[in-house]
Amino acid sequence: MNHCRSHWPPGDGVKRTPPLSIQSYIEARGKSSGLGGLGAEYNENCTEMKTRLAGVSFGLTVAAAIFLLVWPVYSGSNGNSWSNGKQITHATLLQVNGPYAIIPVMFPVLTTLAALLLRKQWVRIVATILISGFAVIGGFTIGLFYLPAAIPMLLAACVADSAKLRDVFP
């Protein structure tokens, strides 16, 4: 018997049922375990994974915000270029731009916090779009510091589809 070829129905005379689709397999599995439909266990695990990924994204945005507000990201020099008395100075984002620098720094933090607290799929999708757009538009300034936070938020927005496939192919 050649297992590399897939013909349906097989010609050996044995009556078989056709292969299940992914959706019908999940429904049959949920109904056979008494959970109905996709099953409560699937929904609970999926929601838990989304919350974890949103939490990781929130932690990364908080770390980026603290780094940008505390670490001296600006450097310059005092004195003339022809004098020997140059001094290199370093300054933080707050020292150079004032308290208004907190607004763009905290925007991704508040976006991921909303996605973490509200736990709705559409909020995660909007948060992914906002953080990714912020990282791209502000890429030459502070945006790239938030790019690592956009990746787990993207995964949190997409984890439902991947969890379905994981449950089908254990």
C-alpha atoms as a PDB file:
ATOM      1  CA  MET A   1       0.000   0.000   0.000  1.00  0.00           C
ATOM      2  CA  ASN A   2       1.457   3.352  -1.028  1.00  0.00           C
ATOM      3  CA  HIS A   3       1.009   5.921   1.731  1.00  0.00           C
ATOM      4  CA  CYS A   4       2.410   8.794  -0.317  1.00  0.00           C
ATOM      5  CA  ARG A   5      -0.599   8.951  -2.629  1.00  0.00           C
ATOM      6  CA  SER A   6      -3.835  10.322  -1.298  1.00  0.00           C
ATOM      7  CA  HIS A   7      -6.949   9.161  -3.112  1.00  0.00           C
ATOM      8  CA  TRP A   8     -10.414   9.548  -1.719  1.00  0.00           C
ATOM      9  CA  PRO A   9     -12.240   7.294  -1.424  1.00  0.00           C
ATOM     10  CA  PRO A  10      -9.713   4.482  -1.163  1.00  0.00           C
ATOM     11  CA  GLY A  11     -10.334   1.590  -3.505  1.00  0.00           C
ATOM     12  CA  ASP A  12      -9.915  -1.253  -0.990  1.00  0.00           C
ATOM     13  CA  GLY A  13     -13.682  -1.750  -0.448  1.00  0.00           C
ATOM     14  CA  VAL A  14     -13.677  -0.617   3.194  1.00  0.00           C
ATOM     15  CA  LYS A  15     -16.288   2.002   3.993  1.00  0.00           C
ATOM     16  CA  ARG A  16     -14.714   5.044   5.636  1.00  0.00           C
ATOM     17  CA  THR A  17     -15.917   8.465   6.613  1.00  0.00           C
ATOM     18  CA  PRO A  18     -14.287  11.412   4.852  1.00  0.00           C
ATOM     19  CA  PRO A  19     -11.629  13.372   6.754  1.00  0.00           C
ATOM     20  CA  LEU A  20     -12.957  16.047   9.074  1.00  0.00           C
ATOM     21  CA  SER A  21     -12.428  19.700   8.417  1.00  0.00           C
ATOM     22  CA  ILE A  22     -10.722  21.718  11.141  1.00  0.00           C
ATOM     23  CA  GLN A  23     -13.953  23.373  12.257  1.00  0.00           C
ATOM     24  CA  SER A  24     -15.963  20.139  12.332  1.00  0.00           C
ATOM     25  CA  TYR A  25     -13.145  18.400  14.218  1.00  0.00           C
ATOM     26  CA  ILE A  26     -13.131  21.107  16.900  1.00  0.00           C
ATOM     27  CA  GLU A  27     -16.920  21.021  17.154  1.00  0.00           C
ATOM     28  CA  ALA A  28     -16.969  17.209  17.390  1.00  0.00           C
ATOM     29  CA  ARG A  29     -14.221  17.264  19.978  1.00  0.00           C
ATOM     30  CA  GLY A  30     -16.056  19.896  22.040  1.00  0.00           C
ATOM     31  CA  LYS A  31     -19.388  18.055  21.846  1.00  0.00           C
ATOM     32  CA  SER A  32     -17.846  14.707  22.735  1.00  0.00           C
ATOM     33  CA  SER A  33     -16.300  16.184  25.856  1.00  0.00           C
ATOM     34  CA  GLY A  34     -19.630  17.710  26.869  1.00  0.00           C
ATOM     35  CA  LEU A  35     -18.393  21.270  26.437  1.00  0.00           C
ATOM     36  CA  GLY A  36     -20.497  22.194  23.405  1.00  0.00           C
ATOM     37  CA  GLY A  37     -19.033  23.947  20.354  1.00  0.00           C
ATOM     38  CA  LEU A  38     -15.417  24.934  20.778  1.00  0.00           C
ATOM     39  CA  GLY A  39     -15.393  24.057  24.451  1.00  0.00           C
ATOM     40  CA  ALA A  40     -14.881  26.110  27.575  1.00  0.00           C
ATOM     41  CA  GLU A  41     -11.336  24.859  28.019  1.00  0.00           C
ATOM     42  CA  TYR A  42     -10.334  26.209  24.614  1.00  0.00           C
ATOM     43  CA  ASN A  43     -11.860  29.621  25.303  1.00  0.00           C
ATOM     44  CA  GLU A  44     -10.217  29.842  28.725  1.00  0.00           C
ATOM     45  CA  ASN A  45      -6.754  28.893  27.419  1.00  0.00           C
ATOM     46  CA  CYS A  46      -7.056  31.274  24.476  1.00  0.00           C
ATOM     47  CA  THR A  47      -8.085  34.199  26.695  1.00  0.00           C
ATOM     48  CA  GLU A  48      -5.304  33.434  29.158  1.00  0.00           C
ATOM     49  CA  MET A  49      -2.670  33.429  26.398  1.00  0.00           C
ATOM     50  CA  LYS A  50      -3.976  36.716  24.966  1.00  0.00           C
ATOM     51  CA  THR A  51      -3.809  38.310  28.406  1.00  0.00           C
ATOM     52  CA  ARG A  52      -0.251  37.082  28.945  1.00  0.00           C
ATOM     53  CA  LEU A  53       0.891  38.449  25.596  1.00  0.00           C
ATOM     54  CA  ALA A  54      -0.818  41.791  26.253  1.00  0.00           C
ATOM     55  CA  GLY A  55       0.917  41.854  29.655  1.00  0.00           C
ATOM     56  CA  VAL A  56       4.302  41.245  28.047  1.00  0.00           C
ATOM     57  CA  SER A  57       3.607  44.055  25.591  1.00  0.00           C
ATOM     58  CA  PHE A  58       2.612  46.368  28.447  1.00  0.00           C
ATOM     59  CA  GLY A  59       5.799  45.508  30.349  1.00  0.00           C
ATOM     60  CA  LEU A  60       7.930  46.264  27.289  1.00  0.00           C
ATOM     61  CA  THR A  61       6.262  49.639  26.755  1.00  0.00           C
ATOM     62  CA  VAL A  62       6.763  50.559  30.425  1.00  0.00           C
ATOM     63  CA  ALA A  63      10.437  49.563  30.179  1.00  0.00           C
ATOM     64  CA  ALA A  64      10.867  51.656  27.007  1.00  0.00           C
ATOM     65  CA  ALA A  65       9.136  54.649  28.613  1.00  0.00           C
ATOM     66  CA  ILE A  66      11.293  54.478  31.746  1.00  0.00           C
ATOM     67  CA  PHE A  67      14.425  54.161  29.624  1.00  0.00           C
ATOM     68  CA  LEU A  68      13.485  57.141  27.467  1.00  0.00           C
ATOM     69  CA  LEU A  69      12.604  59.362  30.426  1.00  0.00           C
ATOM     70  CA  VAL A  70      15.551  58.471  32.676  1.00  0.00           C
ATOM     71  CA  TRP A  71      18.489  57.556  30.441  1.00  0.00           C
ATOM     72  CA  PRO A  72      20.457  60.432  28.876  1.00  0.00           C
ATOM     73  CA  VAL A  73      19.601  60.000  25.207  1.00  0.00           C
ATOM     74  CA  TYR A  74      20.946  63.382  24.082  1.00  0.00           C
ATOM     75  CA  SER A  75      24.593  64.346  23.893  1.00  0.00           C
ATOM     76  CA  GLY A  76      26.296  67.523  22.815  1.00  0.00           C
ATOM     77  CA  SER A  77      29.352  69.670  23.440  1.00  0.00           C
ATOM     78  CA  ASN A  78      30.001  73.070  24.960  1.00  0.00           C
ATOM     79  CA  GLY A  79      32.606  75.448  23.636  1.00  0.00           C
ATOM     80  CA  ASN A  80      33.877  76.410  20.227  1.00  0.00           C
ATOM     81  CA  SER A  81      35.124  73.874  17.754  1.00  0.00           C
ATOM     82  CA  TRP A  82      38.539  75.612  17.617  1.00  0.00           C
ATOM     83  CA  SER A  83      39.056  75.734  21.362  1.00  0.00           C
ATOM     84  CA  ASN A  84      40.556  72.952  23.401  1.00  0.00           C
ATOM     85  CA  GLY A  85      38.041  73.360  26.232  1.00  0.00           C
ATOM     86  CA  LYS A  86      35.212  71.214  24.866  1.00  0.00           C
ATOM     87  CA  GLN A  87      32.924  69.517  27.322  1.00  0.00           C
ATOM     88  CA  ILE A  88      30.605  66.715  26.253  1.00  0.00           C
ATOM     89  CA  THR A  89      27.208  66.990  27.906  1.00  0.00           C
ATOM     90  CA  HIS A  90      24.436  64.437  28.237  1.00  0.00           C
ATOM     91  CA  ALA A  91      20.757  65.139  28.854  1.00  0.00           C
ATOM     92  CA  THR A  92      17.546  63.176  29.249  1.00  0.00           C
ATOM     93  CA  LEU A  93      14.442  63.559  27.139  1.00  0.00           C
ATOM     94  CA  LEU A  94      12.751  65.504  29.947  1.00  0.00           C
ATOM     95  CA  GLN A  95      15.666  67.896  30.375  1.00  0.00           C
ATOM     96  CA  VAL A  96      15.746  68.791  26.697  1.00  0.00           C
ATOM     97  CA  ASN A  97      12.036  68.778  25.820  1.00  0.00           C
ATOM     98  CA  GLY A  98      10.417  69.532  29.176  1.00  0.00           C
ATOM     99  CA  PRO A  99       7.377  67.874  30.722  1.00  0.00           C
ATOM    100  CA  TYR A 100       5.547  67.770  27.386  1.00  0.00           C
ATOM    101  CA  ALA A 101       7.816  64.877  26.395  1.00  0.00           C
ATOM    102  CA  ILE A 102       5.765  62.640  28.680  1.00  0.00           C
ATOM    103  CA  ILE A 103       2.786  62.713  26.286  1.00  0.00           C
ATOM    104  CA  PRO A 104       4.358  60.862  23.321  1.00  0.00           C
ATOM    105  CA  VAL A 105       6.325  58.583  25.637  1.00  0.00           C
ATOM    106  CA  MET A 106       3.215  57.487  27.536  1.00  0.00           C
ATOM    107  CA  PHE A 107       0.942  57.043  24.490  1.00  0.00           C
ATOM    108  CA  PRO A 108       2.033  53.429  23.779  1.00  0.00           C
ATOM    109  CA  VAL A 109       1.932  52.637  27.519  1.00  0.00           C
ATOM    110  CA  LEU A 110      -1.691  53.768  27.795  1.00  0.00           C
ATOM    111  CA  THR A 111      -2.590  51.932  24.585  1.00  0.00           C
ATOM    112  CA  THR A 112      -1.234  48.616  25.842  1.00  0.00           C
ATOM    113  CA  LEU A 113      -2.767  49.211  29.267  1.00  0.00           C
ATOM    114  CA  ALA A 114      -6.195  49.602  27.648  1.00  0.00           C
ATOM    115  CA  ALA A 115      -5.700  46.341  25.734  1.00  0.00           C
ATOM    116  CA  LEU A 116      -4.624  44.581  28.922  1.00  0.00           C
ATOM    117  CA  LEU A 117      -7.518  45.821  31.049  1.00  0.00           C
ATOM    118  CA  LEU A 118     -10.409  45.685  28.563  1.00  0.00           C
ATOM    119  CA  ARG A 119      -9.567  42.206  27.174  1.00  0.00           C
ATOM    120  CA  LYS A 120     -11.559  42.620  23.972  1.00  0.00           C
ATOM    121  CA  GLN A 121     -10.296  41.364  20.625  1.00  0.00           C
ATOM    122  CA  TRP A 122     -11.059  44.609  18.781  1.00  0.00           C
ATOM    123  CA  VAL A 123      -9.148  46.599  21.427  1.00  0.00           C
ATOM    124  CA  ARG A 124      -6.096  44.380  20.894  1.00  0.00           C
ATOM    125  CA  ILE A 125      -6.316  44.854  17.138  1.00  0.00           C
ATOM    126  CA  VAL A 126      -6.595  48.643  17.477  1.00  0.00           C
ATOM    127  CA  ALA A 127      -3.716  48.664  19.981  1.00  0.00           C
ATOM    128  CA  THR A 128      -1.584  46.654  17.549  1.00  0.00           C
ATOM    129  CA  ILE A 129      -2.286  49.120  14.746  1.00  0.00           C
ATOM    130  CA  LEU A 130      -1.603  52.147  16.960  1.00  0.00           C
ATOM    131  CA  ILE A 131       1.654  50.835  18.444  1.00  0.00           C
ATOM    132  CA  SER A 132       2.943  49.596  15.092  1.00  0.00           C
ATOM    133  CA  GLY A 133       2.058  52.911  13.448  1.00  0.00           C
ATOM    134  CA  PHE A 134       3.713  54.813  16.297  1.00  0.00           C
ATOM    135  CA  ALA A 135       6.864  52.696  15.923  1.00  0.00           C
ATOM    136  CA  VAL A 136       7.011  53.284  12.171  1.00  0.00           C
ATOM    137  CA  ILE A 137       6.109  56.994  12.152  1.00  0.00           C
ATOM    138  CA  GLY A 138       8.362  57.821  15.101  1.00  0.00           C
ATOM    139  CA  GLY A 139      11.042  55.363  14.014  1.00  0.00           C
ATOM    140  CA  PHE A 140      13.823  57.931  13.750  1.00  0.00           C
ATOM    141  CA  THR A 141      13.165  59.346  17.215  1.00  0.00           C
ATOM    142  CA  ILE A 142      11.563  57.255  19.963  1.00  0.00           C
ATOM    143  CA  GLY A 143       9.383  54.924  17.884  1.00  0.00           C
ATOM    144  CA  LEU A 144      11.839  52.071  17.510  1.00  0.00           C
ATOM    145  CA  PHE A 145      12.016  51.691  21.278  1.00  0.00           C
ATOM    146  CA  TYR A 146       8.381  50.529  21.140  1.00  0.00           C
ATOM    147  CA  LEU A 147       8.799  48.061  18.269  1.00  0.00           C
ATOM    148  CA  PRO A 148       9.529  45.100  20.606  1.00  0.00           C
ATOM    149  CA  ALA A 149       6.205  45.818  22.353  1.00  0.00           C
ATOM    150  CA  ALA A 150       4.288  45.771  19.062  1.00  0.00           C
ATOM    151  CA  ILE A 151       5.249  42.159  18.364  1.00  0.00           C
ATOM    152  CA  PRO A 152       3.595  40.552  21.426  1.00  0.00           C
ATOM    153  CA  MET A 153       0.544  42.781  20.931  1.00  0.00           C
ATOM    154  CA  LEU A 154       0.310  41.524  17.348  1.00  0.00           C
ATOM    155  CA  LEU A 155       0.496  37.966  18.643  1.00  0.00           C
ATOM    156  CA  ALA A 156      -2.186  38.753  21.237  1.00  0.00           C
ATOM    157  CA  ALA A 157      -4.445  39.971  18.450  1.00  0.00           C
ATOM    158  CA  CYS A 158      -3.824  36.809  16.387  1.00  0.00           C
ATOM    159  CA  VAL A 159      -3.604  34.086  19.042  1.00  0.00           C
ATOM    160  CA  ALA A 160      -7.194  32.886  18.607  1.00  0.00           C
ATOM    161  CA  ASP A 161      -6.557  31.539  15.112  1.00  0.00           C
ATOM    162  CA  SER A 162      -3.276  29.884  16.036  1.00  0.00           C
ATOM    163  CA  ALA A 163      -4.798  28.325  19.168  1.00  0.00           C
ATOM    164  CA  LYS A 164      -7.494  26.692  17.016  1.00  0.00           C
ATOM    165  CA  LEU A 165      -4.841  25.060  14.854  1.00  0.00           C
ATOM    166  CA  ARG A 166      -2.849  23.961  17.915  1.00  0.00           C
ATOM    167  CA  ASP A 167      -5.916  22.231  19.341  1.00  0.00           C
ATOM    168  CA  VAL A 168      -6.629  20.446  16.070  1.00  0.00           C
ATOM    169  CA  PHE A 169      -3.090  19.145  15.624  1.00  0.00           C
ATOM    170  CA  PRO A 170      -1.908  18.176  19.139  1.00  0.00           C
END
